[in-house]
Amino acid sequence: MEGLAPFSSGSEQSPQGYAVELCMAVVERIRQAPGLAGLQVHWRALAEAQVVPALTEGQVDLVCTPMVETVGRRAVADFSIPVFTSGLAVLVRRDAPATLLGPLSGKAQDSGPRWRATINAGLSKHSFAVLRGTLSSRWAHERIRQLGLQSTLEEVSSYEEGVQRVAERKVDALLGDRVVLLAYQARQAEREQLWVPERMFVMSRVALPMPRGDEDFRLLVDRALSKALAGRRGEELFVRYLGPLSAQDRLLQSLYPLPD
């Protein structure tokens, strides 16, 4: 999909990103087959709403943007092995108060569940933005009610609006999908002032979608991705697009590749 740096961005003539390189690893694998050394690759920039039609109508063979595998999506697409872990995360300004940054980054000291002891003290009286009508919105409303927080929760119509409100200090943080938050952070003029902590309040593994029904192709994709994600090659790819690996990143990355 277009505009989702650091995972997929650029033009159809010159795509780039973490997931684009994973797709090129699949291409390298295919070119090793007899008679396919000259395989040509044709890239298509797709908006999110175009992905499912492109898959079901056979317009693309592999989507080079990771997506959450859900039961509904499995009805229309197959998925590769996981290539990243996303989920409900937050975008915040780096100069936000420590009382906010601590709980959001998971660094506050508490002995109970992560969204209980510290969140009351750390997140109360702060303002949050969330996309209107999404699972993130329902989750945030429910947590604020359960924990008795005196926080303001504003619903916005788009990620772009929410990120801008954080950048302009109109809200303290934006809740949303971590893959999307990282993409918006990457292309903001204020990107050095914005931060997406690695902490996720709800976790979801993401994978590369492909048309249903071609088990041989899915096996080829999984073999290529397993090789690309494993060991030093996988670490170098991660660092190139996503920055230094934390202990959590390293653990999660080690779970994705499948052994031969």
C-alpha atoms as a PDB file:
ATOM      1  CA  MET A   1       0.000   0.000   0.000  1.00  0.00           C
ATOM      2  CA  GLU A   2       1.131   3.539  -0.684  1.00  0.00           C
ATOM      3  CA  GLY A   3       2.311   6.042   1.913  1.00  0.00           C
ATOM      4  CA  LEU A   4       3.069   3.603   4.726  1.00  0.00           C
ATOM      5  CA  ALA A   5       6.759   4.264   5.349  1.00  0.00           C
ATOM      6  CA  PRO A   6       8.850   2.701   6.784  1.00  0.00           C
ATOM      7  CA  PHE A   7       7.017  -0.405   5.495  1.00  0.00           C
ATOM      8  CA  SER A   8       6.027   0.619   1.961  1.00  0.00           C
ATOM      9  CA  SER A   9       6.335   3.977   0.252  1.00  0.00           C
ATOM     10  CA  GLY A  10       7.700   5.667  -2.856  1.00  0.00           C
ATOM     11  CA  SER A  11       6.393   5.385  -6.404  1.00  0.00           C
ATOM     12  CA  GLU A  12       5.480   2.444  -8.631  1.00  0.00           C
ATOM     13  CA  GLN A  13       8.782   3.054 -10.408  1.00  0.00           C
ATOM     14  CA  SER A  14      10.832   3.175  -7.204  1.00  0.00           C
ATOM     15  CA  PRO A  15       9.125   1.560  -4.197  1.00  0.00           C
ATOM     16  CA  GLN A  16      10.973   1.253  -0.927  1.00  0.00           C
ATOM     17  CA  GLY A  17      10.509   0.070   2.631  1.00  0.00           C
ATOM     18  CA  TYR A  18      10.847  -2.830   5.024  1.00  0.00           C
ATOM     19  CA  ALA A  19       8.054  -4.885   3.468  1.00  0.00           C
ATOM     20  CA  VAL A  20       9.134  -3.989  -0.080  1.00  0.00           C
ATOM     21  CA  GLU A  21      12.534  -5.556   0.619  1.00  0.00           C
ATOM     22  CA  LEU A  22      10.784  -8.642   1.967  1.00  0.00           C
ATOM     23  CA  CYS A  23       8.852  -8.872  -1.288  1.00  0.00           C
ATOM     24  CA  MET A  24      12.116  -8.586  -3.214  1.00  0.00           C
ATOM     25  CA  ALA A  25      13.399 -11.555  -1.197  1.00  0.00           C
ATOM     26  CA  VAL A  26      10.402 -13.485  -2.556  1.00  0.00           C
ATOM     27  CA  VAL A  27      11.277 -12.364  -6.079  1.00  0.00           C
ATOM     28  CA  GLU A  28      14.878 -13.549  -5.587  1.00  0.00           C
ATOM     29  CA  ARG A  29      13.544 -16.954  -4.541  1.00  0.00           C
ATOM     30  CA  ILE A  30      11.294 -17.216  -7.600  1.00  0.00           C
ATOM     31  CA  ARG A  31      14.146 -16.251  -9.939  1.00  0.00           C
ATOM     32  CA  GLN A  32      16.113 -19.252  -8.710  1.00  0.00           C
ATOM     33  CA  ALA A  33      13.568 -21.584 -10.308  1.00  0.00           C
ATOM     34  CA  PRO A  34      14.401 -22.992 -13.765  1.00  0.00           C
ATOM     35  CA  GLY A  35      13.405 -20.630 -16.554  1.00  0.00           C
ATOM     36  CA  LEU A  36      12.469 -17.754 -14.233  1.00  0.00           C
ATOM     37  CA  ALA A  37      15.794 -15.929 -13.904  1.00  0.00           C
ATOM     38  CA  GLY A  38      14.427 -13.052 -15.976  1.00  0.00           C
ATOM     39  CA  LEU A  39      11.176 -12.620 -14.029  1.00  0.00           C
ATOM     40  CA  GLN A  40       9.941  -9.030 -14.305  1.00  0.00           C
ATOM     41  CA  VAL A  41       8.337  -7.288 -11.319  1.00  0.00           C
ATOM     42  CA  HIS A  42       5.475  -4.851 -11.773  1.00  0.00           C
ATOM     43  CA  TRP A  43       4.620  -2.668  -8.771  1.00  0.00           C
ATOM     44  CA  ARG A  44       1.208  -1.148  -8.068  1.00  0.00           C
ATOM     45  CA  ALA A  45       0.474   1.585  -5.547  1.00  0.00           C
ATOM     46  CA  LEU A  46      -2.767   0.718  -3.770  1.00  0.00           C
ATOM     47  CA  ALA A  47      -4.904   2.659  -1.337  1.00  0.00           C
ATOM     48  CA  GLU A  48      -6.177   0.566   1.574  1.00  0.00           C
ATOM     49  CA  ALA A  49      -9.660   0.286   0.056  1.00  0.00           C
ATOM     50  CA  GLN A  50      -8.166  -1.165  -3.148  1.00  0.00           C
ATOM     51  CA  VAL A  51      -6.308  -4.063  -1.521  1.00  0.00           C
ATOM     52  CA  VAL A  52      -9.152  -6.580  -1.222  1.00  0.00           C
ATOM     53  CA  PRO A  53     -10.473  -6.027  -4.787  1.00  0.00           C
ATOM     54  CA  ALA A  54      -6.930  -6.282  -6.151  1.00  0.00           C
ATOM     55  CA  LEU A  55      -6.481  -9.630  -4.382  1.00  0.00           C
ATOM     56  CA  THR A  56      -9.862 -11.140  -5.222  1.00  0.00           C
ATOM     57  CA  GLU A  57      -9.683 -10.054  -8.873  1.00  0.00           C
ATOM     58  CA  GLY A  58      -6.161 -11.424  -9.341  1.00  0.00           C
ATOM     59  CA  GLN A  59      -4.592  -8.025 -10.053  1.00  0.00           C
ATOM     60  CA  VAL A  60      -1.677  -8.584  -7.639  1.00  0.00           C
ATOM     61  CA  ASP A  61       0.204 -11.668  -6.457  1.00  0.00           C
ATOM     62  CA  LEU A  62       1.479 -10.308  -3.136  1.00  0.00           C
ATOM     63  CA  VAL A  63       0.729  -7.194  -1.081  1.00  0.00           C
ATOM     64  CA  CYS A  64       3.970  -5.638   0.150  1.00  0.00           C
ATOM     65  CA  THR A  65       2.471  -3.980   3.209  1.00  0.00           C
ATOM     66  CA  PRO A  66       1.909  -6.021   6.376  1.00  0.00           C
ATOM     67  CA  MET A  67      -1.705  -6.329   7.518  1.00  0.00           C
ATOM     68  CA  VAL A  68      -3.351  -7.876  10.564  1.00  0.00           C
ATOM     69  CA  GLU A  69      -4.676 -11.349   9.750  1.00  0.00           C
ATOM     70  CA  THR A  70      -8.309 -11.533  10.853  1.00  0.00           C
ATOM     71  CA  VAL A  71     -11.037 -14.115  10.290  1.00  0.00           C
ATOM     72  CA  GLY A  72     -12.791 -11.681   7.961  1.00  0.00           C
ATOM     73  CA  ARG A  73      -9.661 -11.071   5.903  1.00  0.00           C
ATOM     74  CA  ARG A  74      -8.907 -14.783   5.730  1.00  0.00           C
ATOM     75  CA  ALA A  75     -12.207 -15.167   3.888  1.00  0.00           C
ATOM     76  CA  VAL A  76     -10.772 -13.200   0.959  1.00  0.00           C
ATOM     77  CA  ALA A  77      -6.976 -13.640   1.239  1.00  0.00           C
ATOM     78  CA  ASP A  78      -4.199 -15.963   2.372  1.00  0.00           C
ATOM     79  CA  PHE A  79      -1.376 -14.670   4.547  1.00  0.00           C
ATOM     80  CA  SER A  80       2.334 -15.272   4.874  1.00  0.00           C
ATOM     81  CA  ILE A  81       4.140 -16.012   8.109  1.00  0.00           C
ATOM     82  CA  PRO A  82       4.182 -12.958  10.437  1.00  0.00           C
ATOM     83  CA  VAL A  83       6.731 -10.286   9.510  1.00  0.00           C
ATOM     84  CA  PHE A  84       6.143  -7.759  12.309  1.00  0.00           C
ATOM     85  CA  THR A  85       4.091  -7.247  15.458  1.00  0.00           C
ATOM     86  CA  SER A  86       1.693  -4.343  15.547  1.00  0.00           C
ATOM     87  CA  GLY A  87      -1.317  -3.550  17.680  1.00  0.00           C
ATOM     88  CA  LEU A  88      -2.774  -0.703  19.685  1.00  0.00           C
ATOM     89  CA  ALA A  89      -0.002   1.771  20.444  1.00  0.00           C
ATOM     90  CA  VAL A  90       0.382   5.492  20.981  1.00  0.00           C
ATOM     91  CA  LEU A  91       2.070   8.473  19.339  1.00  0.00           C
ATOM     92  CA  VAL A  92       3.232  11.217  21.696  1.00  0.00           C
ATOM     93  CA  ARG A  93       5.583  14.195  21.762  1.00  0.00           C
ATOM     94  CA  ARG A  94       9.059  13.439  23.092  1.00  0.00           C
ATOM     95  CA  ASP A  95       8.874  16.470  25.377  1.00  0.00           C
ATOM     96  CA  ALA A  96       5.645  15.332  27.038  1.00  0.00           C
ATOM     97  CA  PRO A  97       5.668  15.194  30.861  1.00  0.00           C
ATOM     98  CA  ALA A  98       7.372  12.205  32.462  1.00  0.00           C
ATOM     99  CA  THR A  99       4.066  11.408  34.179  1.00  0.00           C
ATOM    100  CA  LEU A 100       2.684  10.646  30.714  1.00  0.00           C
ATOM    101  CA  LEU A 101       5.758   9.172  29.001  1.00  0.00           C
ATOM    102  CA  GLY A 102       6.440   6.716  31.824  1.00  0.00           C
ATOM    103  CA  PRO A 103       3.131   4.819  31.700  1.00  0.00           C
ATOM    104  CA  LEU A 104       2.944   4.988  27.906  1.00  0.00           C
ATOM    105  CA  SER A 105       6.415   3.514  27.480  1.00  0.00           C
ATOM    106  CA  GLY A 106       5.960   0.919  30.221  1.00  0.00           C
ATOM    107  CA  LYS A 107       8.785   2.347  32.335  1.00  0.00           C
ATOM    108  CA  ALA A 108       6.708   3.337  35.339  1.00  0.00           C
ATOM    109  CA  GLN A 109       7.375   1.270  38.428  1.00  0.00           C
ATOM    110  CA  ASP A 110       4.408  -0.825  39.473  1.00  0.00           C
ATOM    111  CA  SER A 111       3.827  -4.375  40.562  1.00  0.00           C
ATOM    112  CA  GLY A 112       0.305  -4.838  39.216  1.00  0.00           C
ATOM    113  CA  PRO A 113      -1.153  -5.150  35.726  1.00  0.00           C
ATOM    114  CA  ARG A 114       0.304  -2.628  33.297  1.00  0.00           C
ATOM    115  CA  TRP A 115      -2.910  -0.671  32.735  1.00  0.00           C
ATOM    116  CA  ARG A 116      -3.880  -0.354  36.391  1.00  0.00           C
ATOM    117  CA  ALA A 117      -1.598   0.968  39.144  1.00  0.00           C
ATOM    118  CA  THR A 118       0.413   3.435  37.095  1.00  0.00           C
ATOM    119  CA  ILE A 119      -2.156   4.440  34.564  1.00  0.00           C
ATOM    120  CA  ASN A 120      -4.423   6.055  37.152  1.00  0.00           C
ATOM    121  CA  ALA A 121      -1.641   8.340  38.360  1.00  0.00           C
ATOM    122  CA  GLY A 122       0.196   8.760  35.068  1.00  0.00           C
ATOM    123  CA  LEU A 123      -2.557   9.069  32.475  1.00  0.00           C
ATOM    124  CA  SER A 124      -5.320  10.799  34.400  1.00  0.00           C
ATOM    125  CA  LYS A 125      -6.042  14.390  33.363  1.00  0.00           C
ATOM    126  CA  HIS A 126      -4.239  14.005  30.037  1.00  0.00           C
ATOM    127  CA  SER A 127      -5.952  14.264  26.650  1.00  0.00           C
ATOM    128  CA  PHE A 128      -5.991  11.519  24.015  1.00  0.00           C
ATOM    129  CA  ALA A 129      -7.160  11.334  20.415  1.00  0.00           C
ATOM    130  CA  VAL A 130      -8.533   8.186  18.797  1.00  0.00           C
ATOM    131  CA  LEU A 131     -10.137   7.378  15.454  1.00  0.00           C
ATOM    132  CA  ARG A 132     -13.894   7.650  15.526  1.00  0.00           C
ATOM    133  CA  GLY A 133     -15.824   4.368  15.365  1.00  0.00           C
ATOM    134  CA  THR A 134     -12.800   2.049  15.583  1.00  0.00           C
ATOM    135  CA  LEU A 135     -11.867  -0.789  17.934  1.00  0.00           C
ATOM    136  CA  SER A 136      -9.241   1.563  19.377  1.00  0.00           C
ATOM    137  CA  SER A 137     -11.985   4.040  20.270  1.00  0.00           C
ATOM    138  CA  ARG A 138     -14.134   1.419  21.987  1.00  0.00           C
ATOM    139  CA  TRP A 139     -11.100   0.038  23.843  1.00  0.00           C
ATOM    140  CA  ALA A 140     -10.036   3.502  25.073  1.00  0.00           C
ATOM    141  CA  HIS A 141     -13.537   4.504  26.213  1.00  0.00           C
ATOM    142  CA  GLU A 142     -13.902   1.241  28.129  1.00  0.00           C
ATOM    143  CA  ARG A 143     -10.488   1.516  29.827  1.00  0.00           C
ATOM    144  CA  ILE A 144     -11.086   5.107  30.894  1.00  0.00           C
ATOM    145  CA  ARG A 145     -14.429   4.085  32.383  1.00  0.00           C
ATOM    146  CA  GLN A 146     -13.033   1.005  34.158  1.00  0.00           C
ATOM    147  CA  LEU A 147     -10.052   2.844  35.630  1.00  0.00           C
ATOM    148  CA  GLY A 148     -11.942   5.966  36.640  1.00  0.00           C
ATOM    149  CA  LEU A 149      -9.547   8.268  34.785  1.00  0.00           C
ATOM    150  CA  GLN A 150     -10.191  11.978  34.544  1.00  0.00           C
ATOM    151  CA  SER A 151      -8.881  12.011  30.990  1.00  0.00           C
ATOM    152  CA  THR A 152     -10.222  13.699  27.881  1.00  0.00           C
ATOM    153  CA  LEU A 153     -10.789  11.428  24.895  1.00  0.00           C
ATOM    154  CA  GLU A 154     -11.305  13.168  21.557  1.00  0.00           C
ATOM    155  CA  GLU A 155     -12.460  11.292  18.469  1.00  0.00           C
ATOM    156  CA  VAL A 156     -10.889  12.341  15.158  1.00  0.00           C
ATOM    157  CA  SER A 157     -11.861  11.442  11.618  1.00  0.00           C
ATOM    158  CA  SER A 158      -8.395  10.428  10.365  1.00  0.00           C
ATOM    159  CA  TYR A 159      -4.881   9.526  11.489  1.00  0.00           C
ATOM    160  CA  GLU A 160      -3.612  12.657   9.778  1.00  0.00           C
ATOM    161  CA  GLU A 161      -5.889  14.821  11.928  1.00  0.00           C
ATOM    162  CA  GLY A 162      -4.867  13.005  15.096  1.00  0.00           C
ATOM    163  CA  VAL A 163      -1.123  13.255  14.395  1.00  0.00           C
ATOM    164  CA  GLN A 164      -1.481  16.957  13.628  1.00  0.00           C
ATOM    165  CA  ARG A 165      -3.304  17.541  16.905  1.00  0.00           C
ATOM    166  CA  VAL A 166      -0.440  15.891  18.785  1.00  0.00           C
ATOM    167  CA  ALA A 167       2.162  17.891  16.852  1.00  0.00           C
ATOM    168  CA  GLU A 168       0.293  21.138  17.605  1.00  0.00           C
ATOM    169  CA  ARG A 169      -0.075  20.205  21.323  1.00  0.00           C
ATOM    170  CA  LYS A 170      -3.870  20.185  21.083  1.00  0.00           C
ATOM    171  CA  VAL A 171      -3.928  16.654  22.548  1.00  0.00           C
ATOM    172  CA  ASP A 172      -1.246  14.805  24.484  1.00  0.00           C
ATOM    173  CA  ALA A 173      -1.283  11.518  22.547  1.00  0.00           C
ATOM    174  CA  LEU A 174      -2.924   9.589  19.710  1.00  0.00           C
ATOM    175  CA  LEU A 175      -3.983   5.941  20.095  1.00  0.00           C
ATOM    176  CA  GLY A 176      -3.952   3.752  16.989  1.00  0.00           C
ATOM    177  CA  ASP A 177      -2.398   0.907  15.019  1.00  0.00           C
ATOM    178  CA  ARG A 178       1.389   0.919  15.553  1.00  0.00           C
ATOM    179  CA  VAL A 179       2.197   0.224  11.892  1.00  0.00           C
ATOM    180  CA  VAL A 180       0.154   3.258  10.835  1.00  0.00           C
ATOM    181  CA  LEU A 181       1.497   5.474  13.642  1.00  0.00           C
ATOM    182  CA  LEU A 182       5.083   4.668  12.622  1.00  0.00           C
ATOM    183  CA  ALA A 183       4.221   5.528   9.029  1.00  0.00           C
ATOM    184  CA  TYR A 184       2.786   8.910   9.960  1.00  0.00           C
ATOM    185  CA  GLN A 185       5.682   9.675  12.277  1.00  0.00           C
ATOM    186  CA  ALA A 186       8.146   8.914   9.463  1.00  0.00           C
ATOM    187  CA  ARG A 187       6.652  11.458   7.075  1.00  0.00           C
ATOM    188  CA  GLN A 188       5.916  14.301   9.520  1.00  0.00           C
ATOM    189  CA  ALA A 189       8.054  17.423   9.382  1.00  0.00           C
ATOM    190  CA  GLU A 190       8.083  17.212  13.186  1.00  0.00           C
ATOM    191  CA  ARG A 191       9.096  13.525  13.159  1.00  0.00           C
ATOM    192  CA  GLU A 192      12.103  14.084  15.432  1.00  0.00           C
ATOM    193  CA  GLN A 193       9.757  15.561  18.035  1.00  0.00           C
ATOM    194  CA  LEU A 194       7.270  12.686  17.879  1.00  0.00           C
ATOM    195  CA  TRP A 195       7.672   9.225  19.358  1.00  0.00           C
ATOM    196  CA  VAL A 196       5.904   5.867  19.032  1.00  0.00           C
ATOM    197  CA  PRO A 197       6.957   3.783  22.072  1.00  0.00           C
ATOM    198  CA  GLU A 198       7.378   0.056  21.462  1.00  0.00           C
ATOM    199  CA  ARG A 199       4.804  -0.719  24.148  1.00  0.00           C
ATOM    200  CA  MET A 200       1.513  -2.067  22.784  1.00  0.00           C
ATOM    201  CA  PHE A 201      -1.692  -2.313  24.800  1.00  0.00           C
ATOM    202  CA  VAL A 202      -3.205  -4.879  22.433  1.00  0.00           C
ATOM    203  CA  MET A 203      -0.858  -6.918  20.225  1.00  0.00           C
ATOM    204  CA  SER A 204      -1.446  -8.255  16.709  1.00  0.00           C
ATOM    205  CA  ARG A 205       0.971 -10.019  14.393  1.00  0.00           C
ATOM    206  CA  VAL A 206       0.940  -8.745  10.830  1.00  0.00           C
ATOM    207  CA  ALA A 207       1.728 -10.584   7.595  1.00  0.00           C
ATOM    208  CA  LEU A 208       1.751 -10.118   3.818  1.00  0.00           C
ATOM    209  CA  PRO A 209      -1.587 -10.867   2.075  1.00  0.00           C
ATOM    210  CA  MET A 210      -1.885 -12.804  -1.179  1.00  0.00           C
ATOM    211  CA  PRO A 211      -4.745 -14.297  -3.232  1.00  0.00           C
ATOM    212  CA  ARG A 212      -6.364 -17.391  -1.760  1.00  0.00           C
ATOM    213  CA  GLY A 213      -5.882 -20.924  -2.968  1.00  0.00           C
ATOM    214  CA  ASP A 214      -2.278 -21.159  -4.194  1.00  0.00           C
ATOM    215  CA  GLU A 215      -0.604 -23.273  -1.516  1.00  0.00           C
ATOM    216  CA  ASP A 216       2.608 -23.711  -3.516  1.00  0.00           C
ATOM    217  CA  PHE A 217       3.049 -19.952  -3.843  1.00  0.00           C
ATOM    218  CA  ARG A 218       2.343 -19.383  -0.166  1.00  0.00           C
ATOM    219  CA  LEU A 219       4.950 -22.001   0.729  1.00  0.00           C
ATOM    220  CA  LEU A 220       7.474 -20.291  -1.543  1.00  0.00           C
ATOM    221  CA  VAL A 221       6.690 -16.915   0.084  1.00  0.00           C
ATOM    222  CA  ASP A 222       7.095 -18.361   3.582  1.00  0.00           C
ATOM    223  CA  ARG A 223      10.433 -19.956   2.690  1.00  0.00           C
ATOM    224  CA  ALA A 224      11.745 -16.714   1.234  1.00  0.00           C
ATOM    225  CA  LEU A 225      10.540 -14.641   4.183  1.00  0.00           C
ATOM    226  CA  SER A 226      11.956 -17.108   6.702  1.00  0.00           C
ATOM    227  CA  LYS A 227      15.379 -16.744   5.124  1.00  0.00           C
ATOM    228  CA  ALA A 228      15.113 -12.949   4.895  1.00  0.00           C
ATOM    229  CA  LEU A 229      13.980 -12.518   8.494  1.00  0.00           C
ATOM    230  CA  ALA A 230      16.391 -14.936  10.142  1.00  0.00           C
ATOM    231  CA  GLY A 231      19.729 -14.156  11.742  1.00  0.00           C
ATOM    232  CA  ARG A 232      21.958 -11.214  10.876  1.00  0.00           C
ATOM    233  CA  ARG A 233      20.191 -10.531   7.566  1.00  0.00           C
ATOM    234  CA  GLY A 234      16.881 -10.066   9.357  1.00  0.00           C
ATOM    235  CA  GLU A 235      18.428  -7.854  12.036  1.00  0.00           C
ATOM    236  CA  GLU A 236      20.128  -5.636   9.459  1.00  0.00           C
ATOM    237  CA  LEU A 237      16.869  -5.227   7.553  1.00  0.00           C
ATOM    238  CA  PHE A 238      15.011  -4.282  10.744  1.00  0.00           C
ATOM    239  CA  VAL A 239      17.647  -1.741  11.801  1.00  0.00           C
ATOM    240  CA  ARG A 240      17.772  -0.174   8.334  1.00  0.00           C
ATOM    241  CA  TYR A 241      14.096   0.751   8.379  1.00  0.00           C
ATOM    242  CA  LEU A 242      12.890   0.532  11.974  1.00  0.00           C
ATOM    243  CA  GLY A 243      15.905   1.480  14.085  1.00  0.00           C
ATOM    244  CA  PRO A 244      17.842  -0.415  16.779  1.00  0.00           C
ATOM    245  CA  LEU A 245      16.281  -3.641  18.030  1.00  0.00           C
ATOM    246  CA  SER A 246      15.156  -3.659  21.638  1.00  0.00           C
ATOM    247  CA  ALA A 247      15.112  -6.897  23.623  1.00  0.00           C
ATOM    248  CA  GLN A 248      11.379  -7.183  22.842  1.00  0.00           C
ATOM    249  CA  ASP A 249      11.955  -6.600  19.122  1.00  0.00           C
ATOM    250  CA  ARG A 250      14.704  -9.211  19.052  1.00  0.00           C
ATOM    251  CA  LEU A 251      12.499 -11.785  20.779  1.00  0.00           C
ATOM    252  CA  LEU A 252       9.531 -11.166  18.485  1.00  0.00           C
ATOM    253  CA  GLN A 253      11.680 -11.222  15.353  1.00  0.00           C
ATOM    254  CA  SER A 254      13.105 -14.605  16.358  1.00  0.00           C
ATOM    255  CA  LEU A 255       9.593 -16.108  16.420  1.00  0.00           C
ATOM    256  CA  TYR A 256       8.653 -15.322  12.802  1.00  0.00           C
ATOM    257  CA  PRO A 257      11.002 -17.430  10.602  1.00  0.00           C
ATOM    258  CA  LEU A 258      10.210 -21.091  10.087  1.00  0.00           C
ATOM    259  CA  PRO A 259      13.023 -23.673  10.059  1.00  0.00           C
ATOM    260  CA  ASP A 260      13.598 -25.642   6.835  1.00  0.00           C
END
